[in-house]
Amino acid sequence: GHLEKLLEGRGLLQKLTGFHITIAFVHL
């Protein structure tokens, strides 16, 4: 369960990071 939480959090953070960078380039 602890390992699954780490992997889920890492995957979610990757998606959120991609959204941040995409929104930045759309604004530009």
mmCIF file of all heavy atoms, coordinates in Angstrom:
data_MODEL
# 
_entry.id   MODEL 
# 
loop_
_atom_site.group_PDB 
_atom_site.id 
_atom_site.type_symbol 
_atom_site.label_atom_id 
_atom_site.label_alt_id 
_atom_site.label_comp_id 
_atom_site.label_asym_id 
_atom_site.label_entity_id 
_atom_site.label_seq_id 
_atom_site.pdbx_PDB_ins_code 
_atom_site.Cartn_x 
_atom_site.Cartn_y 
_atom_site.Cartn_z 
_atom_site.occupancy 
_atom_site.B_iso_or_equiv 
_atom_site.pdbx_formal_charge 
_atom_site.auth_seq_id 
_atom_site.auth_comp_id 
_atom_site.auth_asym_id 
_atom_site.auth_atom_id 
_atom_site.pdbx_PDB_model_num 
ATOM 1   N N   . GLY A 1 1  ? 0.810  -1.207 0.000   1.00 0.00 ? 1  GLY A N   1 
ATOM 2   C CA  . GLY A 1 1  ? 0.000  0.000  0.000   1.00 0.00 ? 1  GLY A CA  1 
ATOM 3   C C   . GLY A 1 1  ? 0.844  1.257  0.000   1.00 0.00 ? 1  GLY A C   1 
ATOM 4   O O   . GLY A 1 1  ? 0.520  2.234  -0.682  1.00 0.00 ? 1  GLY A O   1 
ATOM 5   N N   . HIS A 1 2  ? 1.951  1.244  0.745   1.00 0.00 ? 2  HIS A N   1 
ATOM 6   C CA  . HIS A 1 2  ? 2.843  2.402  0.783   1.00 0.00 ? 2  HIS A CA  1 
ATOM 7   C C   . HIS A 1 2  ? 3.493  2.628  -0.577  1.00 0.00 ? 2  HIS A C   1 
ATOM 8   O O   . HIS A 1 2  ? 3.599  3.777  -1.049  1.00 0.00 ? 2  HIS A O   1 
ATOM 9   C CB  . HIS A 1 2  ? 3.906  2.176  1.848   1.00 0.00 ? 2  HIS A CB  1 
ATOM 10  C CG  . HIS A 1 2  ? 4.780  3.359  2.104   1.00 0.00 ? 2  HIS A CG  1 
ATOM 11  N ND1 . HIS A 1 2  ? 4.354  4.456  2.821   1.00 0.00 ? 2  HIS A ND1 1 
ATOM 12  C CD2 . HIS A 1 2  ? 6.054  3.626  1.714   1.00 0.00 ? 2  HIS A CD2 1 
ATOM 13  C CE1 . HIS A 1 2  ? 5.333  5.348  2.873   1.00 0.00 ? 2  HIS A CE1 1 
ATOM 14  N NE2 . HIS A 1 2  ? 6.369  4.866  2.214   1.00 0.00 ? 2  HIS A NE2 1 
ATOM 15  N N   . LEU A 1 3  ? 3.917  1.551  -1.231  1.00 0.00 ? 3  LEU A N   1 
ATOM 16  C CA  . LEU A 1 3  ? 4.537  1.674  -2.553  1.00 0.00 ? 3  LEU A CA  1 
ATOM 17  C C   . LEU A 1 3  ? 3.528  2.153  -3.591  1.00 0.00 ? 3  LEU A C   1 
ATOM 18  O O   . LEU A 1 3  ? 3.851  2.966  -4.468  1.00 0.00 ? 3  LEU A O   1 
ATOM 19  C CB  . LEU A 1 3  ? 5.126  0.318  -2.964  1.00 0.00 ? 3  LEU A CB  1 
ATOM 20  C CG  . LEU A 1 3  ? 5.875  0.271  -4.306  1.00 0.00 ? 3  LEU A CG  1 
ATOM 21  C CD1 . LEU A 1 3  ? 7.041  1.241  -4.293  1.00 0.00 ? 3  LEU A CD1 1 
ATOM 22  C CD2 . LEU A 1 3  ? 6.344  -1.139 -4.598  1.00 0.00 ? 3  LEU A CD2 1 
ATOM 23  N N   . GLU A 1 4  ? 2.302  1.672  -3.505  1.00 0.00 ? 4  GLU A N   1 
ATOM 24  C CA  . GLU A 1 4  ? 1.269  2.116  -4.440  1.00 0.00 ? 4  GLU A CA  1 
ATOM 25  C C   . GLU A 1 4  ? 0.979  3.607  -4.281  1.00 0.00 ? 4  GLU A C   1 
ATOM 26  O O   . GLU A 1 4  ? 0.770  4.322  -5.266  1.00 0.00 ? 4  GLU A O   1 
ATOM 27  C CB  . GLU A 1 4  ? -0.001 1.304  -4.224  1.00 0.00 ? 4  GLU A CB  1 
ATOM 28  C CG  . GLU A 1 4  ? 0.101  -0.137 -4.697  1.00 0.00 ? 4  GLU A CG  1 
ATOM 29  C CD  . GLU A 1 4  ? -1.177 -0.921 -4.421  1.00 0.00 ? 4  GLU A CD  1 
ATOM 30  O OE1 . GLU A 1 4  ? -2.122 -0.316 -3.853  1.00 0.00 ? 4  GLU A OE1 1 
ATOM 31  O OE2 . GLU A 1 4  ? -1.228 -2.099 -4.775  1.00 0.00 ? 4  GLU A OE2 1 
ATOM 32  N N   . LYS A 1 5  ? 0.975  4.096  -3.039  1.00 0.00 ? 5  LYS A N   1 
ATOM 33  C CA  . LYS A 1 5  ? 0.753  5.528  -2.825  1.00 0.00 ? 5  LYS A CA  1 
ATOM 34  C C   . LYS A 1 5  ? 1.870  6.363  -3.430  1.00 0.00 ? 5  LYS A C   1 
ATOM 35  O O   . LYS A 1 5  ? 1.625  7.423  -4.017  1.00 0.00 ? 5  LYS A O   1 
ATOM 36  C CB  . LYS A 1 5  ? 0.631  5.810  -1.326  1.00 0.00 ? 5  LYS A CB  1 
ATOM 37  C CG  . LYS A 1 5  ? -0.653 5.293  -0.699  1.00 0.00 ? 5  LYS A CG  1 
ATOM 38  C CD  . LYS A 1 5  ? -0.698 5.616  0.785   1.00 0.00 ? 5  LYS A CD  1 
ATOM 39  C CE  . LYS A 1 5  ? -1.977 5.096  1.417   1.00 0.00 ? 5  LYS A CE  1 
ATOM 40  N NZ  . LYS A 1 5  ? -2.031 5.385  2.876   1.00 0.00 ? 5  LYS A NZ  1 
ATOM 41  N N   . LEU A 1 6  ? 3.108  5.875  -3.300  1.00 0.00 ? 6  LEU A N   1 
ATOM 42  C CA  . LEU A 1 6  ? 4.233  6.596  -3.894  1.00 0.00 ? 6  LEU A CA  1 
ATOM 43  C C   . LEU A 1 6  ? 4.112  6.658  -5.415  1.00 0.00 ? 6  LEU A C   1 
ATOM 44  O O   . LEU A 1 6  ? 4.321  7.703  -6.034  1.00 0.00 ? 6  LEU A O   1 
ATOM 45  C CB  . LEU A 1 6  ? 5.547  5.930  -3.501  1.00 0.00 ? 6  LEU A CB  1 
ATOM 46  C CG  . LEU A 1 6  ? 6.094  6.232  -2.101  1.00 0.00 ? 6  LEU A CG  1 
ATOM 47  C CD1 . LEU A 1 6  ? 7.313  5.367  -1.820  1.00 0.00 ? 6  LEU A CD1 1 
ATOM 48  C CD2 . LEU A 1 6  ? 6.454  7.700  -1.975  1.00 0.00 ? 6  LEU A CD2 1 
ATOM 49  N N   . LEU A 1 7  ? 3.749  5.530  -6.026  1.00 0.00 ? 7  LEU A N   1 
ATOM 50  C CA  . LEU A 1 7  ? 3.626  5.496  -7.484  1.00 0.00 ? 7  LEU A CA  1 
ATOM 51  C C   . LEU A 1 7  ? 2.452  6.343  -7.961  1.00 0.00 ? 7  LEU A C   1 
ATOM 52  O O   . LEU A 1 7  ? 2.550  7.042  -8.979  1.00 0.00 ? 7  LEU A O   1 
ATOM 53  C CB  . LEU A 1 7  ? 3.467  4.042  -7.950  1.00 0.00 ? 7  LEU A CB  1 
ATOM 54  C CG  . LEU A 1 7  ? 4.669  3.124  -7.712  1.00 0.00 ? 7  LEU A CG  1 
ATOM 55  C CD1 . LEU A 1 7  ? 4.355  1.703  -8.140  1.00 0.00 ? 7  LEU A CD1 1 
ATOM 56  C CD2 . LEU A 1 7  ? 5.893  3.648  -8.453  1.00 0.00 ? 7  LEU A CD2 1 
ATOM 57  N N   . GLU A 1 8  ? 1.336  6.292  -7.245  1.00 0.00 ? 8  GLU A N   1 
ATOM 58  C CA  . GLU A 1 8  ? 0.189  7.105  -7.624  1.00 0.00 ? 8  GLU A CA  1 
ATOM 59  C C   . GLU A 1 8  ? 0.495  8.600  -7.502  1.00 0.00 ? 8  GLU A C   1 
ATOM 60  O O   . GLU A 1 8  ? 0.139  9.393  -8.377  1.00 0.00 ? 8  GLU A O   1 
ATOM 61  C CB  . GLU A 1 8  ? -1.013 6.744  -6.748  1.00 0.00 ? 8  GLU A CB  1 
ATOM 62  C CG  . GLU A 1 8  ? -1.606 5.381  -7.063  1.00 0.00 ? 8  GLU A CG  1 
ATOM 63  C CD  . GLU A 1 8  ? -2.741 5.033  -6.121  1.00 0.00 ? 8  GLU A CD  1 
ATOM 64  O OE1 . GLU A 1 8  ? -3.051 5.864  -5.237  1.00 0.00 ? 8  GLU A OE1 1 
ATOM 65  O OE2 . GLU A 1 8  ? -3.327 3.941  -6.278  1.00 0.00 ? 8  GLU A OE2 1 
ATOM 66  N N   . GLY A 1 9  ? 1.159  8.970  -6.405  1.00 0.00 ? 9  GLY A N   1 
ATOM 67  C CA  . GLY A 1 9  ? 1.524  10.378 -6.234  1.00 0.00 ? 9  GLY A CA  1 
ATOM 68  C C   . GLY A 1 9  ? 2.492  10.847 -7.307  1.00 0.00 ? 9  GLY A C   1 
ATOM 69  O O   . GLY A 1 9  ? 2.371  11.967 -7.808  1.00 0.00 ? 9  GLY A O   1 
ATOM 70  N N   . ARG A 1 10 ? 3.430  10.002 -7.692  1.00 0.00 ? 10 ARG A N   1 
ATOM 71  C CA  . ARG A 1 10 ? 4.386  10.373 -8.737  1.00 0.00 ? 10 ARG A CA  1 
ATOM 72  C C   . ARG A 1 10 ? 3.681  10.535 -10.077 1.00 0.00 ? 10 ARG A C   1 
ATOM 73  O O   . ARG A 1 10 ? 3.958  11.481 -10.825 1.00 0.00 ? 10 ARG A O   1 
ATOM 74  C CB  . ARG A 1 10 ? 5.482  9.310  -8.830  1.00 0.00 ? 10 ARG A CB  1 
ATOM 75  C CG  . ARG A 1 10 ? 6.590  9.666  -9.809  1.00 0.00 ? 10 ARG A CG  1 
ATOM 76  C CD  . ARG A 1 10 ? 7.663  8.595  -9.816  1.00 0.00 ? 10 ARG A CD  1 
ATOM 77  N NE  . ARG A 1 10 ? 8.703  8.912  -10.762 1.00 0.00 ? 10 ARG A NE  1 
ATOM 78  C CZ  . ARG A 1 10 ? 9.744  9.708  -10.512 1.00 0.00 ? 10 ARG A CZ  1 
ATOM 79  N NH1 . ARG A 1 10 ? 9.870  10.231 -9.313  1.00 0.00 ? 10 ARG A NH1 1 
ATOM 80  N NH2 . ARG A 1 10 ? 10.656 9.954  -11.421 1.00 0.00 ? 10 ARG A NH2 1 
ATOM 81  N N   . GLY A 1 11 ? 2.754  9.618  -10.388 1.00 0.00 ? 11 GLY A N   1 
ATOM 82  C CA  . GLY A 1 11 ? 2.022  9.733  -11.646 1.00 0.00 ? 11 GLY A CA  1 
ATOM 83  C C   . GLY A 1 11 ? 1.149  10.977 -11.693 1.00 0.00 ? 11 GLY A C   1 
ATOM 84  O O   . GLY A 1 11 ? 1.070  11.673 -12.720 1.00 0.00 ? 11 GLY A O   1 
ATOM 85  N N   . LEU A 1 12 ? 0.483  11.279 -10.576 1.00 0.00 ? 12 LEU A N   1 
ATOM 86  C CA  . LEU A 1 12 ? -0.346 12.486 -10.519 1.00 0.00 ? 12 LEU A CA  1 
ATOM 87  C C   . LEU A 1 12 ? 0.497  13.740 -10.655 1.00 0.00 ? 12 LEU A C   1 
ATOM 88  O O   . LEU A 1 12 ? 0.108  14.691 -11.353 1.00 0.00 ? 12 LEU A O   1 
ATOM 89  C CB  . LEU A 1 12 ? -1.122 12.500 -9.199  1.00 0.00 ? 12 LEU A CB  1 
ATOM 90  C CG  . LEU A 1 12 ? -2.027 13.719 -8.952  1.00 0.00 ? 12 LEU A CG  1 
ATOM 91  C CD1 . LEU A 1 12 ? -3.092 13.835 -10.021 1.00 0.00 ? 12 LEU A CD1 1 
ATOM 92  C CD2 . LEU A 1 12 ? -2.663 13.634 -7.568  1.00 0.00 ? 12 LEU A CD2 1 
ATOM 93  N N   . LEU A 1 13 ? 1.667  13.753 -10.023 1.00 0.00 ? 13 LEU A N   1 
ATOM 94  C CA  . LEU A 1 13 ? 2.534  14.928 -10.109 1.00 0.00 ? 13 LEU A CA  1 
ATOM 95  C C   . LEU A 1 13 ? 3.059  15.117 -11.528 1.00 0.00 ? 13 LEU A C   1 
ATOM 96  O O   . LEU A 1 13 ? 3.219  16.261 -11.987 1.00 0.00 ? 13 LEU A O   1 
ATOM 97  C CB  . LEU A 1 13 ? 3.692  14.773 -9.123  1.00 0.00 ? 13 LEU A CB  1 
ATOM 98  C CG  . LEU A 1 13 ? 4.528  16.027 -8.858  1.00 0.00 ? 13 LEU A CG  1 
ATOM 99  C CD1 . LEU A 1 13 ? 3.652  17.149 -8.312  1.00 0.00 ? 13 LEU A CD1 1 
ATOM 100 C CD2 . LEU A 1 13 ? 5.640  15.717 -7.869  1.00 0.00 ? 13 LEU A CD2 1 
ATOM 101 N N   . GLN A 1 14 ? 3.316  14.037 -12.241 1.00 0.00 ? 14 GLN A N   1 
ATOM 102 C CA  . GLN A 1 14 ? 3.741  14.149 -13.638 1.00 0.00 ? 14 GLN A CA  1 
ATOM 103 C C   . GLN A 1 14 ? 2.652  14.775 -14.498 1.00 0.00 ? 14 GLN A C   1 
ATOM 104 O O   . GLN A 1 14 ? 2.923  15.641 -15.352 1.00 0.00 ? 14 GLN A O   1 
ATOM 105 C CB  . GLN A 1 14 ? 4.120  12.770 -14.180 1.00 0.00 ? 14 GLN A CB  1 
ATOM 106 C CG  . GLN A 1 14 ? 5.441  12.231 -13.655 1.00 0.00 ? 14 GLN A CG  1 
ATOM 107 C CD  . GLN A 1 14 ? 5.751  10.861 -14.197 1.00 0.00 ? 14 GLN A CD  1 
ATOM 108 O OE1 . GLN A 1 14 ? 4.895  10.202 -14.806 1.00 0.00 ? 14 GLN A OE1 1 
ATOM 109 N NE2 . GLN A 1 14 ? 6.966  10.384 -13.966 1.00 0.00 ? 14 GLN A NE2 1 
ATOM 110 N N   . LYS A 1 15 ? 1.412  14.377 -14.285 1.00 0.00 ? 15 LYS A N   1 
ATOM 111 C CA  . LYS A 1 15 ? 0.309  14.952 -15.058 1.00 0.00 ? 15 LYS A CA  1 
ATOM 112 C C   . LYS A 1 15 ? 0.120  16.429 -14.741 1.00 0.00 ? 15 LYS A C   1 
ATOM 113 O O   . LYS A 1 15 ? -0.072 17.255 -15.647 1.00 0.00 ? 15 LYS A O   1 
ATOM 114 C CB  . LYS A 1 15 ? -0.980 14.177 -14.771 1.00 0.00 ? 15 LYS A CB  1 
ATOM 115 C CG  . LYS A 1 15 ? -0.960 12.741 -15.265 1.00 0.00 ? 15 LYS A CG  1 
ATOM 116 C CD  . LYS A 1 15 ? -2.235 12.019 -14.892 1.00 0.00 ? 15 LYS A CD  1 
ATOM 117 C CE  . LYS A 1 15 ? -2.193 10.566 -15.344 1.00 0.00 ? 15 LYS A CE  1 
ATOM 118 N NZ  . LYS A 1 15 ? -3.415 9.821  -14.943 1.00 0.00 ? 15 LYS A NZ  1 
ATOM 119 N N   . LEU A 1 16 ? 0.173  16.779 -13.460 1.00 0.00 ? 16 LEU A N   1 
ATOM 120 C CA  . LEU A 1 16 ? 0.014  18.179 -13.077 1.00 0.00 ? 16 LEU A CA  1 
ATOM 121 C C   . LEU A 1 16 ? 1.146  19.036 -13.640 1.00 0.00 ? 16 LEU A C   1 
ATOM 122 O O   . LEU A 1 16 ? 0.919  20.171 -14.086 1.00 0.00 ? 16 LEU A O   1 
ATOM 123 C CB  . LEU A 1 16 ? -0.027 18.295 -11.547 1.00 0.00 ? 16 LEU A CB  1 
ATOM 124 C CG  . LEU A 1 16 ? -1.253 17.685 -10.859 1.00 0.00 ? 16 LEU A CG  1 
ATOM 125 C CD1 . LEU A 1 16 ? -1.085 17.717 -9.343  1.00 0.00 ? 16 LEU A CD1 1 
ATOM 126 C CD2 . LEU A 1 16 ? -2.521 18.435 -11.255 1.00 0.00 ? 16 LEU A CD2 1 
ATOM 127 N N   . THR A 1 17 ? 2.360  18.492 -13.649 1.00 0.00 ? 17 THR A N   1 
ATOM 128 C CA  . THR A 1 17 ? 3.493  19.216 -14.220 1.00 0.00 ? 17 THR A CA  1 
ATOM 129 C C   . THR A 1 17 ? 3.295  19.463 -15.711 1.00 0.00 ? 17 THR A C   1 
ATOM 130 O O   . THR A 1 17 ? 3.560  20.558 -16.218 1.00 0.00 ? 17 THR A O   1 
ATOM 131 C CB  . THR A 1 17 ? 4.783  18.422 -13.990 1.00 0.00 ? 17 THR A CB  1 
ATOM 132 O OG1 . THR A 1 17 ? 4.974  18.236 -12.583 1.00 0.00 ? 17 THR A OG1 1 
ATOM 133 C CG2 . THR A 1 17 ? 5.979  19.146 -14.557 1.00 0.00 ? 17 THR A CG2 1 
ATOM 134 N N   . GLY A 1 18 ? 2.806  18.451 -16.414 1.00 0.00 ? 18 GLY A N   1 
ATOM 135 C CA  . GLY A 1 18 ? 2.528  18.616 -17.840 1.00 0.00 ? 18 GLY A CA  1 
ATOM 136 C C   . GLY A 1 18 ? 1.478  19.680 -18.108 1.00 0.00 ? 18 GLY A C   1 
ATOM 137 O O   . GLY A 1 18 ? 1.595  20.475 -19.054 1.00 0.00 ? 18 GLY A O   1 
ATOM 138 N N   . PHE A 1 19 ? 0.441  19.736 -17.262 1.00 0.00 ? 19 PHE A N   1 
ATOM 139 C CA  . PHE A 1 19 ? -0.591 20.764 -17.420 1.00 0.00 ? 19 PHE A CA  1 
ATOM 140 C C   . PHE A 1 19 ? -0.023 22.162 -17.189 1.00 0.00 ? 19 PHE A C   1 
ATOM 141 O O   . PHE A 1 19 ? -0.355 23.111 -17.916 1.00 0.00 ? 19 PHE A O   1 
ATOM 142 C CB  . PHE A 1 19 ? -1.749 20.492 -16.461 1.00 0.00 ? 19 PHE A CB  1 
ATOM 143 C CG  . PHE A 1 19 ? -2.701 19.450 -16.939 1.00 0.00 ? 19 PHE A CG  1 
ATOM 144 C CD1 . PHE A 1 19 ? -2.968 18.319 -16.166 1.00 0.00 ? 19 PHE A CD1 1 
ATOM 145 C CD2 . PHE A 1 19 ? -3.349 19.574 -18.149 1.00 0.00 ? 19 PHE A CD2 1 
ATOM 146 C CE1 . PHE A 1 19 ? -3.846 17.354 -16.607 1.00 0.00 ? 19 PHE A CE1 1 
ATOM 147 C CE2 . PHE A 1 19 ? -4.230 18.611 -18.604 1.00 0.00 ? 19 PHE A CE2 1 
ATOM 148 C CZ  . PHE A 1 19 ? -4.478 17.489 -17.824 1.00 0.00 ? 19 PHE A CZ  1 
ATOM 149 N N   . HIS A 1 20 ? 0.823  22.320 -16.172 1.00 0.00 ? 20 HIS A N   1 
ATOM 150 C CA  . HIS A 1 20 ? 1.433  23.630 -15.890 1.00 0.00 ? 20 HIS A CA  1 
ATOM 151 C C   . HIS A 1 20 ? 2.229  24.128 -17.098 1.00 0.00 ? 20 HIS A C   1 
ATOM 152 O O   . HIS A 1 20 ? 2.081  25.291 -17.520 1.00 0.00 ? 20 HIS A O   1 
ATOM 153 C CB  . HIS A 1 20 ? 2.360  23.535 -14.675 1.00 0.00 ? 20 HIS A CB  1 
ATOM 154 C CG  . HIS A 1 20 ? 1.656  23.625 -13.366 1.00 0.00 ? 20 HIS A CG  1 
ATOM 155 N ND1 . HIS A 1 20 ? 1.102  24.796 -12.885 1.00 0.00 ? 20 HIS A ND1 1 
ATOM 156 C CD2 . HIS A 1 20 ? 1.408  22.688 -12.412 1.00 0.00 ? 20 HIS A CD2 1 
ATOM 157 C CE1 . HIS A 1 20 ? 0.553  24.579 -11.709 1.00 0.00 ? 20 HIS A CE1 1 
ATOM 158 N NE2 . HIS A 1 20 ? 0.730  23.310 -11.397 1.00 0.00 ? 20 HIS A NE2 1 
ATOM 159 N N   . ILE A 1 21 ? 3.072  23.273 -17.647 1.00 0.00 ? 21 ILE A N   1 
ATOM 160 C CA  . ILE A 1 21 ? 3.923  23.679 -18.766 1.00 0.00 ? 21 ILE A CA  1 
ATOM 161 C C   . ILE A 1 21 ? 3.081  23.955 -20.012 1.00 0.00 ? 21 ILE A C   1 
ATOM 162 O O   . ILE A 1 21 ? 3.337  24.917 -20.755 1.00 0.00 ? 21 ILE A O   1 
ATOM 163 C CB  . ILE A 1 21 ? 4.981  22.592 -19.027 1.00 0.00 ? 21 ILE A CB  1 
ATOM 164 C CG1 . ILE A 1 21 ? 5.911  22.461 -17.803 1.00 0.00 ? 21 ILE A CG1 1 
ATOM 165 C CG2 . ILE A 1 21 ? 5.803  22.906 -20.266 1.00 0.00 ? 21 ILE A CG2 1 
ATOM 166 C CD1 . ILE A 1 21 ? 6.912  21.342 -17.902 1.00 0.00 ? 21 ILE A CD1 1 
ATOM 167 N N   . THR A 1 22 ? 2.049  23.136 -20.245 1.00 0.00 ? 22 THR A N   1 
ATOM 168 C CA  . THR A 1 22 ? 1.176  23.363 -21.399 1.00 0.00 ? 22 THR A CA  1 
ATOM 169 C C   . THR A 1 22 ? 0.449  24.694 -21.295 1.00 0.00 ? 22 THR A C   1 
ATOM 170 O O   . THR A 1 22 ? 0.361  25.457 -22.276 1.00 0.00 ? 22 THR A O   1 
ATOM 171 C CB  . THR A 1 22 ? 0.170  22.210 -21.515 1.00 0.00 ? 22 THR A CB  1 
ATOM 172 O OG1 . THR A 1 22 ? 0.868  20.965 -21.628 1.00 0.00 ? 22 THR A OG1 1 
ATOM 173 C CG2 . THR A 1 22 ? -0.723 22.395 -22.729 1.00 0.00 ? 22 THR A CG2 1 
ATOM 174 N N   . ILE A 1 23 ? -0.086 25.000 -20.120 1.00 0.00 ? 23 ILE A N   1 
ATOM 175 C CA  . ILE A 1 23 ? -0.790 26.269 -19.920 1.00 0.00 ? 23 ILE A CA  1 
ATOM 176 C C   . ILE A 1 23 ? 0.158  27.449 -20.111 1.00 0.00 ? 23 ILE A C   1 
ATOM 177 O O   . ILE A 1 23 ? -0.226 28.496 -20.656 1.00 0.00 ? 23 ILE A O   1 
ATOM 178 C CB  . ILE A 1 23 ? -1.446 26.288 -18.531 1.00 0.00 ? 23 ILE A CB  1 
ATOM 179 C CG1 . ILE A 1 23 ? -2.598 25.291 -18.480 1.00 0.00 ? 23 ILE A CG1 1 
ATOM 180 C CG2 . ILE A 1 23 ? -1.955 27.678 -18.175 1.00 0.00 ? 23 ILE A CG2 1 
ATOM 181 C CD1 . ILE A 1 23 ? -3.184 25.115 -17.097 1.00 0.00 ? 23 ILE A CD1 1 
ATOM 182 N N   . ALA A 1 24 ? 1.416  27.301 -19.697 1.00 0.00 ? 24 ALA A N   1 
ATOM 183 C CA  . ALA A 1 24 ? 2.388  28.379 -19.878 1.00 0.00 ? 24 ALA A CA  1 
ATOM 184 C C   . ALA A 1 24 ? 2.611  28.670 -21.361 1.00 0.00 ? 24 ALA A C   1 
ATOM 185 O O   . ALA A 1 24 ? 2.605  29.841 -21.787 1.00 0.00 ? 24 ALA A O   1 
ATOM 186 C CB  . ALA A 1 24 ? 3.703  27.999 -19.201 1.00 0.00 ? 24 ALA A CB  1 
ATOM 187 N N   . PHE A 1 25 ? 2.779  27.634 -22.159 1.00 0.00 ? 25 PHE A N   1 
ATOM 188 C CA  . PHE A 1 25 ? 3.003  27.853 -23.596 1.00 0.00 ? 25 PHE A CA  1 
ATOM 189 C C   . PHE A 1 25 ? 1.739  28.363 -24.294 1.00 0.00 ? 25 PHE A C   1 
ATOM 190 O O   . PHE A 1 25 ? 1.833  29.142 -25.251 1.00 0.00 ? 25 PHE A O   1 
ATOM 191 C CB  . PHE A 1 25 ? 3.501  26.562 -24.251 1.00 0.00 ? 25 PHE A CB  1 
ATOM 192 C CG  . PHE A 1 25 ? 4.946  26.276 -23.983 1.00 0.00 ? 25 PHE A CG  1 
ATOM 193 C CD1 . PHE A 1 25 ? 5.322  25.221 -23.158 1.00 0.00 ? 25 PHE A CD1 1 
ATOM 194 C CD2 . PHE A 1 25 ? 5.945  27.060 -24.537 1.00 0.00 ? 25 PHE A CD2 1 
ATOM 195 C CE1 . PHE A 1 25 ? 6.660  24.967 -22.909 1.00 0.00 ? 25 PHE A CE1 1 
ATOM 196 C CE2 . PHE A 1 25 ? 7.286  26.807 -24.291 1.00 0.00 ? 25 PHE A CE2 1 
ATOM 197 C CZ  . PHE A 1 25 ? 7.648  25.756 -23.477 1.00 0.00 ? 25 PHE A CZ  1 
ATOM 198 N N   . VAL A 1 26 ? 0.569  27.948 -23.835 1.00 0.00 ? 26 VAL A N   1 
ATOM 199 C CA  . VAL A 1 26 ? -0.682 28.481 -24.398 1.00 0.00 ? 26 VAL A CA  1 
ATOM 200 C C   . VAL A 1 26 ? -0.802 29.974 -24.106 1.00 0.00 ? 26 VAL A C   1 
ATOM 201 O O   . VAL A 1 26 ? -1.215 30.768 -24.974 1.00 0.00 ? 26 VAL A O   1 
ATOM 202 C CB  . VAL A 1 26 ? -1.884 27.702 -23.842 1.00 0.00 ? 26 VAL A CB  1 
ATOM 203 C CG1 . VAL A 1 26 ? -3.195 28.410 -24.187 1.00 0.00 ? 26 VAL A CG1 1 
ATOM 204 C CG2 . VAL A 1 26 ? -1.909 26.289 -24.403 1.00 0.00 ? 26 VAL A CG2 1 
ATOM 205 N N   . HIS A 1 27 ? -0.437 30.376 -22.893 1.00 0.00 ? 27 HIS A N   1 
ATOM 206 C CA  . HIS A 1 27 ? -0.455 31.804 -22.549 1.00 0.00 ? 27 HIS A CA  1 
ATOM 207 C C   . HIS A 1 27 ? 0.510  32.588 -23.437 1.00 0.00 ? 27 HIS A C   1 
ATOM 208 O O   . HIS A 1 27 ? 0.175  33.697 -23.902 1.00 0.00 ? 27 HIS A O   1 
ATOM 209 C CB  . HIS A 1 27 ? -0.084 32.000 -21.074 1.00 0.00 ? 27 HIS A CB  1 
ATOM 210 C CG  . HIS A 1 27 ? -1.251 31.953 -20.150 1.00 0.00 ? 27 HIS A CG  1 
ATOM 211 N ND1 . HIS A 1 27 ? -1.973 30.816 -19.918 1.00 0.00 ? 27 HIS A ND1 1 
ATOM 212 C CD2 . HIS A 1 27 ? -1.837 32.935 -19.391 1.00 0.00 ? 27 HIS A CD2 1 
ATOM 213 C CE1 . HIS A 1 27 ? -2.941 31.076 -19.050 1.00 0.00 ? 27 HIS A CE1 1 
ATOM 214 N NE2 . HIS A 1 27 ? -2.885 32.363 -18.728 1.00 0.00 ? 27 HIS A NE2 1 
ATOM 215 N N   . LEU A 1 28 ? 1.682  32.048 -23.668 1.00 0.00 ? 28 LEU A N   1 
ATOM 216 C CA  . LEU A 1 28 ? 2.639  32.738 -24.533 1.00 0.00 ? 28 LEU A CA  1 
ATOM 217 C C   . LEU A 1 28 ? 2.114  32.859 -25.961 1.00 0.00 ? 28 LEU A C   1 
ATOM 218 O O   . LEU A 1 28 ? 2.247  33.924 -26.596 1.00 0.00 ? 28 LEU A O   1 
ATOM 219 C CB  . LEU A 1 28 ? 3.976  31.987 -24.531 1.00 0.00 ? 28 LEU A CB  1 
ATOM 220 C CG  . LEU A 1 28 ? 4.837  32.105 -23.269 1.00 0.00 ? 28 LEU A CG  1 
ATOM 221 C CD1 . LEU A 1 28 ? 6.066  31.210 -23.378 1.00 0.00 ? 28 LEU A CD1 1 
ATOM 222 C CD2 . LEU A 1 28 ? 5.264  33.553 -23.049 1.00 0.00 ? 28 LEU A CD2 1 
# 
